[in-house]
N, C-alpha and C. Protein backbone atom coordinates (compact mmCIF):
# COMPACT_ATOMS: atom_id res chain seq x y z
N MET A 1 31.35 22.17 33.01
CA MET A 1 31.05 23.56 33.18
C MET A 1 30.45 24.09 31.88
N GLU A 2 29.38 24.87 32.01
CA GLU A 2 28.71 25.43 30.85
C GLU A 2 28.55 26.93 31.01
N PHE A 3 28.45 27.63 29.87
CA PHE A 3 28.22 29.06 29.85
C PHE A 3 26.97 29.33 29.03
N THR A 4 26.04 30.10 29.61
CA THR A 4 24.77 30.38 28.95
C THR A 4 24.38 31.84 29.12
N THR A 5 23.35 32.23 28.37
CA THR A 5 22.71 33.53 28.57
C THR A 5 21.23 33.28 28.84
N LEU A 6 20.61 34.23 29.50
CA LEU A 6 19.16 34.22 29.71
C LEU A 6 18.70 35.66 29.65
N CYS A 7 17.60 35.90 28.94
CA CYS A 7 17.10 37.25 28.77
C CYS A 7 15.60 37.30 29.05
N TYR A 8 15.21 38.33 29.79
CA TYR A 8 13.80 38.61 30.01
C TYR A 8 13.45 39.84 29.17
N ILE A 9 12.72 39.60 28.08
CA ILE A 9 12.31 40.66 27.18
C ILE A 9 11.03 41.28 27.75
N GLU A 10 11.06 42.60 27.89
CA GLU A 10 9.96 43.33 28.52
C GLU A 10 9.14 44.11 27.50
N GLN A 11 7.83 44.11 27.70
CA GLN A 11 6.93 44.92 26.87
C GLN A 11 5.63 45.13 27.65
N ASP A 12 5.22 46.38 27.81
CA ASP A 12 3.94 46.70 28.46
C ASP A 12 3.77 46.00 29.80
N ASP A 13 4.80 46.06 30.65
CA ASP A 13 4.79 45.47 31.99
C ASP A 13 4.59 43.94 31.96
N ARG A 14 5.09 43.33 30.87
CA ARG A 14 5.04 41.87 30.72
C ARG A 14 6.43 41.38 30.34
N TYR A 15 6.69 40.11 30.63
CA TYR A 15 7.90 39.43 30.17
C TYR A 15 7.50 38.39 29.13
N LEU A 16 8.35 38.21 28.13
CA LEU A 16 8.18 37.10 27.21
C LEU A 16 8.79 35.88 27.88
N MET A 17 7.96 34.89 28.15
CA MET A 17 8.38 33.69 28.87
C MET A 17 8.26 32.48 27.94
N LEU A 18 9.13 31.50 28.19
CA LEU A 18 9.15 30.26 27.43
C LEU A 18 8.76 29.12 28.36
N HIS A 19 7.67 28.44 28.02
CA HIS A 19 7.24 27.25 28.77
C HIS A 19 7.91 26.05 28.09
N ARG A 20 8.90 25.46 28.77
CA ARG A 20 9.73 24.41 28.17
C ARG A 20 8.97 23.08 28.17
N THR A 21 8.40 22.73 27.02
CA THR A 21 7.57 21.53 26.93
C THR A 21 7.97 20.58 25.82
N LYS A 22 8.85 20.99 24.91
CA LYS A 22 9.05 20.21 23.68
C LYS A 22 10.32 19.37 23.64
N LYS A 23 11.33 19.68 24.41
CA LYS A 23 12.60 18.95 24.32
C LYS A 23 12.60 17.74 25.25
N GLU A 24 13.16 16.64 24.76
CA GLU A 24 13.33 15.45 25.61
C GLU A 24 14.54 15.66 26.52
N ASN A 25 14.55 15.01 27.67
CA ASN A 25 15.68 15.09 28.61
C ASN A 25 16.08 16.53 28.89
N ASP A 26 15.11 17.37 29.17
CA ASP A 26 15.33 18.79 29.41
C ASP A 26 15.30 19.06 30.90
N VAL A 27 16.41 19.59 31.46
CA VAL A 27 16.45 19.92 32.88
C VAL A 27 15.37 20.95 33.22
N ASN A 28 14.95 21.74 32.24
CA ASN A 28 13.92 22.75 32.44
C ASN A 28 12.51 22.29 32.06
N LYS A 29 12.33 20.99 31.83
CA LYS A 29 11.04 20.45 31.39
C LYS A 29 9.91 20.95 32.28
N GLU A 30 8.88 21.51 31.63
CA GLU A 30 7.66 22.04 32.25
C GLU A 30 7.88 23.32 33.06
N LYS A 31 9.10 23.83 33.11
CA LYS A 31 9.37 25.10 33.79
C LYS A 31 9.14 26.26 32.81
N TRP A 32 8.91 27.44 33.37
CA TRP A 32 8.83 28.69 32.62
C TRP A 32 10.14 29.42 32.85
N ILE A 33 10.78 29.84 31.78
CA ILE A 33 12.06 30.55 31.87
C ILE A 33 12.06 31.69 30.86
N GLY A 34 13.12 32.49 30.90
CA GLY A 34 13.32 33.52 29.89
C GLY A 34 13.87 32.89 28.62
N ILE A 35 14.44 33.72 27.76
CA ILE A 35 14.95 33.29 26.46
C ILE A 35 16.47 33.22 26.53
N GLY A 36 17.05 32.13 26.05
CA GLY A 36 18.51 32.04 26.07
C GLY A 36 19.00 30.66 25.73
N GLY A 37 20.31 30.47 25.95
CA GLY A 37 20.89 29.18 25.66
C GLY A 37 22.40 29.19 25.81
N HIS A 38 23.02 28.17 25.27
CA HIS A 38 24.45 27.91 25.43
C HIS A 38 25.31 28.69 24.44
N PHE A 39 26.45 29.11 24.94
CA PHE A 39 27.45 29.78 24.10
C PHE A 39 27.96 28.80 23.04
N LEU A 40 28.23 29.31 21.86
CA LEU A 40 28.97 28.58 20.85
C LEU A 40 30.43 29.02 20.93
N LEU A 41 31.33 28.20 20.46
CA LEU A 41 32.76 28.49 20.50
C LEU A 41 33.03 29.87 19.91
N GLY A 42 33.74 30.69 20.65
CA GLY A 42 34.14 32.01 20.18
C GLY A 42 33.14 33.11 20.42
N GLU A 43 31.96 32.79 20.95
CA GLU A 43 30.95 33.81 21.19
C GLU A 43 31.23 34.59 22.48
N SER A 44 30.94 35.88 22.43
CA SER A 44 30.89 36.70 23.64
C SER A 44 29.50 36.51 24.25
N PRO A 45 29.30 36.98 25.50
CA PRO A 45 27.94 36.91 26.05
C PRO A 45 26.91 37.61 25.16
N GLU A 46 27.27 38.76 24.60
CA GLU A 46 26.33 39.48 23.75
C GLU A 46 26.06 38.73 22.45
N ASP A 47 27.10 38.12 21.86
CA ASP A 47 26.88 37.30 20.66
C ASP A 47 25.87 36.20 20.93
N CYS A 48 26.06 35.50 22.05
CA CYS A 48 25.17 34.40 22.42
C CYS A 48 23.76 34.91 22.66
N LEU A 49 23.64 35.98 23.41
CA LEU A 49 22.33 36.58 23.70
C LEU A 49 21.58 36.88 22.41
N LEU A 50 22.21 37.62 21.52
CA LEU A 50 21.54 38.05 20.29
C LEU A 50 21.18 36.87 19.40
N ARG A 51 22.07 35.89 19.28
CA ARG A 51 21.79 34.70 18.46
C ARG A 51 20.64 33.90 19.05
N GLU A 52 20.71 33.61 20.35
CA GLU A 52 19.66 32.79 20.99
C GLU A 52 18.29 33.46 20.92
N VAL A 53 18.24 34.77 21.17
CA VAL A 53 16.95 35.47 21.09
C VAL A 53 16.40 35.39 19.67
N LYS A 54 17.26 35.61 18.68
CA LYS A 54 16.82 35.54 17.28
C LYS A 54 16.30 34.14 16.94
N GLU A 55 17.06 33.10 17.35
CA GLU A 55 16.67 31.72 17.04
C GLU A 55 15.36 31.32 17.72
N GLU A 56 15.18 31.72 18.99
CA GLU A 56 14.03 31.25 19.76
C GLU A 56 12.77 32.10 19.57
N THR A 57 12.94 33.37 19.15
CA THR A 57 11.78 34.27 19.08
C THR A 57 11.58 34.90 17.72
N GLY A 58 12.63 35.05 16.93
CA GLY A 58 12.56 35.82 15.69
C GLY A 58 12.89 37.28 15.89
N PHE A 59 13.09 37.70 17.14
CA PHE A 59 13.37 39.10 17.45
C PHE A 59 14.86 39.42 17.32
N THR A 60 15.14 40.64 16.90
CA THR A 60 16.48 41.21 16.94
C THR A 60 16.46 42.28 18.02
N LEU A 61 17.22 42.05 19.10
CA LEU A 61 17.23 43.01 20.20
C LEU A 61 17.90 44.31 19.76
N THR A 62 17.30 45.43 20.14
CA THR A 62 17.88 46.74 19.84
C THR A 62 18.23 47.51 21.11
N SER A 63 17.80 47.03 22.28
CA SER A 63 18.15 47.64 23.56
C SER A 63 18.12 46.54 24.63
N TYR A 64 19.26 46.33 25.27
CA TYR A 64 19.36 45.30 26.30
C TYR A 64 20.40 45.71 27.33
N GLN A 65 20.31 45.10 28.53
CA GLN A 65 21.22 45.43 29.62
C GLN A 65 21.67 44.16 30.32
N PHE A 66 22.97 44.05 30.56
CA PHE A 66 23.57 42.94 31.31
C PHE A 66 23.31 43.21 32.79
N ARG A 67 22.56 42.33 33.45
CA ARG A 67 22.08 42.59 34.81
C ARG A 67 22.84 41.83 35.89
N GLY A 68 23.39 40.66 35.54
CA GLY A 68 24.09 39.91 36.57
C GLY A 68 24.63 38.59 36.06
N ILE A 69 25.41 37.96 36.92
CA ILE A 69 25.95 36.61 36.68
C ILE A 69 25.28 35.67 37.68
N VAL A 70 24.75 34.58 37.18
CA VAL A 70 24.14 33.57 38.05
C VAL A 70 24.93 32.28 37.89
N THR A 71 25.43 31.76 39.01
CA THR A 71 26.16 30.50 39.03
C THR A 71 25.21 29.43 39.55
N PHE A 72 24.97 28.41 38.73
CA PHE A 72 24.13 27.28 39.14
C PHE A 72 25.02 26.09 39.42
N VAL A 73 24.87 25.51 40.59
CA VAL A 73 25.54 24.26 40.93
C VAL A 73 24.44 23.22 41.12
N TYR A 74 24.52 22.13 40.33
CA TYR A 74 23.51 21.07 40.38
C TYR A 74 24.15 19.79 40.91
N ASN A 75 23.53 19.22 41.94
CA ASN A 75 23.90 17.90 42.43
C ASN A 75 25.41 17.75 42.65
N THR A 76 26.10 18.80 43.00
CA THR A 76 27.54 18.85 43.31
C THR A 76 28.46 18.41 42.18
N ASP A 77 27.92 18.09 40.98
CA ASP A 77 28.82 17.62 39.91
C ASP A 77 28.65 18.38 38.60
N PHE A 78 27.87 19.47 38.63
CA PHE A 78 27.65 20.24 37.41
C PHE A 78 27.56 21.72 37.76
N CYS A 79 28.19 22.56 36.94
CA CYS A 79 28.17 24.00 37.18
C CYS A 79 27.89 24.73 35.87
N GLU A 80 27.02 25.72 35.96
CA GLU A 80 26.68 26.57 34.82
C GLU A 80 26.82 28.03 35.23
N TYR A 81 27.46 28.81 34.38
CA TYR A 81 27.55 30.25 34.58
C TYR A 81 26.63 30.91 33.56
N MET A 82 25.65 31.67 34.07
CA MET A 82 24.65 32.27 33.21
C MET A 82 24.75 33.79 33.26
N CYS A 83 24.84 34.41 32.10
CA CYS A 83 24.81 35.86 31.97
C CYS A 83 23.35 36.27 31.83
N LEU A 84 22.87 37.06 32.77
CA LEU A 84 21.45 37.44 32.84
C LEU A 84 21.24 38.84 32.27
N TYR A 85 20.28 38.94 31.36
CA TYR A 85 19.97 40.20 30.69
C TYR A 85 18.49 40.52 30.79
N THR A 86 18.19 41.81 30.63
CA THR A 86 16.83 42.24 30.30
C THR A 86 16.93 43.02 28.99
N ALA A 87 15.83 43.06 28.27
CA ALA A 87 15.77 43.81 27.01
C ALA A 87 14.43 44.53 26.96
N ASP A 88 14.45 45.73 26.39
CA ASP A 88 13.21 46.49 26.32
C ASP A 88 12.89 47.03 24.93
N ALA A 89 13.66 46.60 23.92
CA ALA A 89 13.33 47.01 22.56
C ALA A 89 13.87 45.96 21.58
N TYR A 90 13.11 45.76 20.51
CA TYR A 90 13.47 44.75 19.52
C TYR A 90 12.73 45.05 18.23
N THR A 91 13.19 44.40 17.17
CA THR A 91 12.47 44.42 15.90
C THR A 91 12.15 42.98 15.54
N GLY A 92 11.23 42.80 14.61
CA GLY A 92 10.89 41.46 14.16
C GLY A 92 9.51 41.02 14.62
N THR A 93 9.15 39.83 14.17
CA THR A 93 7.85 39.24 14.47
C THR A 93 8.06 37.95 15.24
N LEU A 94 7.28 37.77 16.30
CA LEU A 94 7.40 36.58 17.14
C LEU A 94 7.11 35.31 16.34
N LEU A 95 8.04 34.36 16.43
CA LEU A 95 7.91 33.07 15.76
C LEU A 95 7.55 32.00 16.78
N SER A 96 7.22 30.80 16.32
CA SER A 96 7.06 29.69 17.24
C SER A 96 8.45 29.18 17.61
N CYS A 97 8.55 28.55 18.76
CA CYS A 97 9.83 28.11 19.29
C CYS A 97 9.88 26.58 19.35
N GLU A 98 11.01 26.01 18.96
CA GLU A 98 11.18 24.55 18.96
C GLU A 98 11.27 23.97 20.37
N GLU A 99 11.49 24.81 21.38
CA GLU A 99 11.71 24.31 22.74
C GLU A 99 10.47 24.37 23.62
N GLY A 100 9.43 25.07 23.16
CA GLY A 100 8.22 25.19 23.97
C GLY A 100 7.34 26.31 23.47
N GLU A 101 6.42 26.74 24.32
CA GLU A 101 5.48 27.78 23.95
C GLU A 101 5.94 29.11 24.52
N LEU A 102 5.93 30.14 23.67
CA LEU A 102 6.24 31.50 24.09
C LEU A 102 4.96 32.22 24.46
N ALA A 103 5.00 33.00 25.55
CA ALA A 103 3.82 33.75 25.97
C ALA A 103 4.25 35.02 26.68
N TRP A 104 3.52 36.10 26.43
CA TRP A 104 3.72 37.34 27.17
C TRP A 104 2.95 37.21 28.48
N ILE A 105 3.66 37.32 29.60
CA ILE A 105 3.05 37.13 30.92
C ILE A 105 3.21 38.43 31.71
N GLU A 106 2.10 38.89 32.31
CA GLU A 106 2.17 40.07 33.18
C GLU A 106 3.23 39.81 34.26
N LYS A 107 4.08 40.81 34.51
CA LYS A 107 5.15 40.63 35.50
C LYS A 107 4.59 40.21 36.85
N LYS A 108 3.45 40.78 37.24
CA LYS A 108 2.87 40.44 38.54
C LYS A 108 2.35 39.00 38.59
N GLU A 109 2.17 38.35 37.43
CA GLU A 109 1.69 36.97 37.37
C GLU A 109 2.81 35.94 37.23
N VAL A 110 4.02 36.39 36.93
CA VAL A 110 5.13 35.46 36.68
C VAL A 110 5.37 34.56 37.89
N GLY A 111 5.23 35.11 39.09
CA GLY A 111 5.46 34.32 40.31
C GLY A 111 4.53 33.13 40.48
N SER A 112 3.39 33.12 39.79
CA SER A 112 2.44 32.01 39.91
C SER A 112 2.78 30.86 38.95
N LEU A 113 3.78 31.07 38.08
CA LEU A 113 4.18 30.03 37.12
C LEU A 113 5.07 28.98 37.77
N ASN A 114 5.26 27.87 37.08
CA ASN A 114 6.17 26.82 37.54
C ASN A 114 7.60 27.28 37.21
N LEU A 115 8.26 27.88 38.21
CA LEU A 115 9.61 28.42 38.07
C LEU A 115 10.58 27.65 38.96
N TRP A 116 11.86 27.72 38.61
CA TRP A 116 12.90 27.29 39.55
C TRP A 116 12.86 28.27 40.73
N GLU A 117 13.08 27.78 41.96
CA GLU A 117 13.05 28.65 43.14
C GLU A 117 14.08 29.77 43.03
N GLY A 118 15.26 29.47 42.51
CA GLY A 118 16.29 30.49 42.36
C GLY A 118 15.90 31.57 41.37
N ASP A 119 15.11 31.21 40.36
CA ASP A 119 14.66 32.21 39.39
C ASP A 119 13.81 33.27 40.09
N ARG A 120 13.07 32.87 41.10
CA ARG A 120 12.25 33.83 41.85
C ARG A 120 13.15 34.89 42.50
N ILE A 121 14.33 34.46 42.94
CA ILE A 121 15.27 35.40 43.57
C ILE A 121 15.76 36.42 42.55
N PHE A 122 16.26 35.93 41.40
CA PHE A 122 16.80 36.92 40.46
C PHE A 122 15.70 37.72 39.77
N LEU A 123 14.52 37.17 39.61
CA LEU A 123 13.41 37.97 39.08
C LEU A 123 13.04 39.10 40.04
N ALA A 124 13.11 38.84 41.34
CA ALA A 124 12.86 39.90 42.33
C ALA A 124 13.93 40.98 42.24
N LEU A 125 15.18 40.57 42.04
CA LEU A 125 16.27 41.54 41.89
C LEU A 125 16.06 42.40 40.64
N LEU A 126 15.61 41.77 39.55
CA LEU A 126 15.31 42.54 38.34
C LEU A 126 14.17 43.52 38.60
N ALA A 127 13.14 43.07 39.30
CA ALA A 127 11.97 43.91 39.57
C ALA A 127 12.33 45.13 40.40
N GLU A 128 13.27 44.97 41.32
CA GLU A 128 13.67 46.12 42.15
C GLU A 128 14.81 46.92 41.51
N ASN A 129 15.15 46.57 40.27
CA ASN A 129 16.21 47.26 39.53
C ASN A 129 17.52 47.28 40.31
N ALA A 130 17.86 46.13 40.91
CA ALA A 130 19.10 45.99 41.68
C ALA A 130 20.30 46.26 40.77
N PRO A 131 21.38 46.80 41.33
CA PRO A 131 22.59 46.97 40.53
C PRO A 131 23.15 45.59 40.13
N PHE A 132 24.12 45.58 39.21
CA PHE A 132 24.72 44.34 38.73
C PHE A 132 25.04 43.43 39.92
N PHE A 133 24.68 42.16 39.82
CA PHE A 133 24.84 41.25 40.95
C PHE A 133 25.44 39.92 40.51
N SER A 134 25.95 39.21 41.52
CA SER A 134 26.41 37.84 41.37
C SER A 134 25.58 36.98 42.32
N LEU A 135 24.90 35.99 41.76
CA LEU A 135 24.03 35.12 42.53
C LEU A 135 24.45 33.68 42.30
N LYS A 136 24.72 32.96 43.38
CA LYS A 136 25.06 31.53 43.29
C LYS A 136 23.90 30.73 43.85
N LEU A 137 23.41 29.78 43.05
CA LEU A 137 22.29 28.93 43.44
C LEU A 137 22.74 27.48 43.41
N THR A 138 22.59 26.79 44.53
CA THR A 138 22.99 25.39 44.64
C THR A 138 21.74 24.53 44.78
N TYR A 139 21.61 23.58 43.86
CA TYR A 139 20.44 22.70 43.80
C TYR A 139 20.83 21.25 43.99
N GLU A 140 19.91 20.49 44.56
CA GLU A 140 19.94 19.04 44.51
C GLU A 140 18.60 18.65 43.89
N GLY A 141 18.67 18.19 42.64
CA GLY A 141 17.43 17.98 41.88
C GLY A 141 16.73 19.32 41.72
N ASP A 142 15.43 19.37 42.05
CA ASP A 142 14.67 20.63 41.97
C ASP A 142 14.74 21.45 43.24
N LEU A 143 15.39 20.94 44.28
CA LEU A 143 15.43 21.59 45.58
C LEU A 143 16.58 22.59 45.67
N LEU A 144 16.25 23.85 45.95
CA LEU A 144 17.26 24.88 46.16
C LEU A 144 17.85 24.71 47.56
N LEU A 145 19.13 24.37 47.62
CA LEU A 145 19.80 24.17 48.90
C LEU A 145 20.35 25.46 49.47
N GLN A 146 20.88 26.31 48.59
CA GLN A 146 21.52 27.54 49.09
C GLN A 146 21.48 28.61 48.00
N ALA A 147 21.32 29.85 48.44
CA ALA A 147 21.41 31.01 47.57
C ALA A 147 22.38 32.00 48.21
N VAL A 148 23.35 32.47 47.42
CA VAL A 148 24.36 33.40 47.91
C VAL A 148 24.37 34.59 46.96
N LEU A 149 24.03 35.77 47.48
CA LEU A 149 23.97 36.99 46.68
C LEU A 149 25.16 37.87 47.03
N ASP A 150 25.98 38.16 46.03
CA ASP A 150 27.17 39.01 46.22
C ASP A 150 27.99 38.56 47.43
N GLY A 151 28.17 37.24 47.57
CA GLY A 151 29.00 36.67 48.62
C GLY A 151 28.34 36.46 49.96
N LYS A 152 27.04 36.79 50.08
CA LYS A 152 26.34 36.65 51.35
C LYS A 152 25.19 35.66 51.21
N THR A 153 25.12 34.67 52.08
CA THR A 153 24.04 33.69 52.06
C THR A 153 22.72 34.41 52.36
N ILE A 154 21.71 34.12 51.53
CA ILE A 154 20.40 34.78 51.73
C ILE A 154 19.28 33.80 52.04
N ASN A 155 19.58 32.50 52.08
CA ASN A 155 18.52 31.56 52.50
C ASN A 155 19.06 30.49 53.38
């Protein structure tokens, strides 16, 4: 079981996206995702969020919102709980990232990127400004088998 954060930083109707191309043995290899990573011992979700954003982008978030919990089940033997955030203000200068290429992508274009199918679900929830949600996504390899939003199956 793992605990992670993921943040979609917003600016001028764009998201800062990370194209995961640089890490070996990366479950997200060649996918586009937000900014985030794994909790360190003793970190709160906010501690992890702020540290990961700083490490991956050089930004210090000054305004962010906890939007939901996403439970990922992979191949019936792995589970990850992800705290999902959006952010709309920061200080600092964008740095290069060790995990891939960072790019500002128009929100309306994000759907054309190589995304996990479940990411499309929570990105739509973010776009419609849904209230805090719990989303469970069950995968076998890259195939989304089931999506459950707030206890109700949606696919």
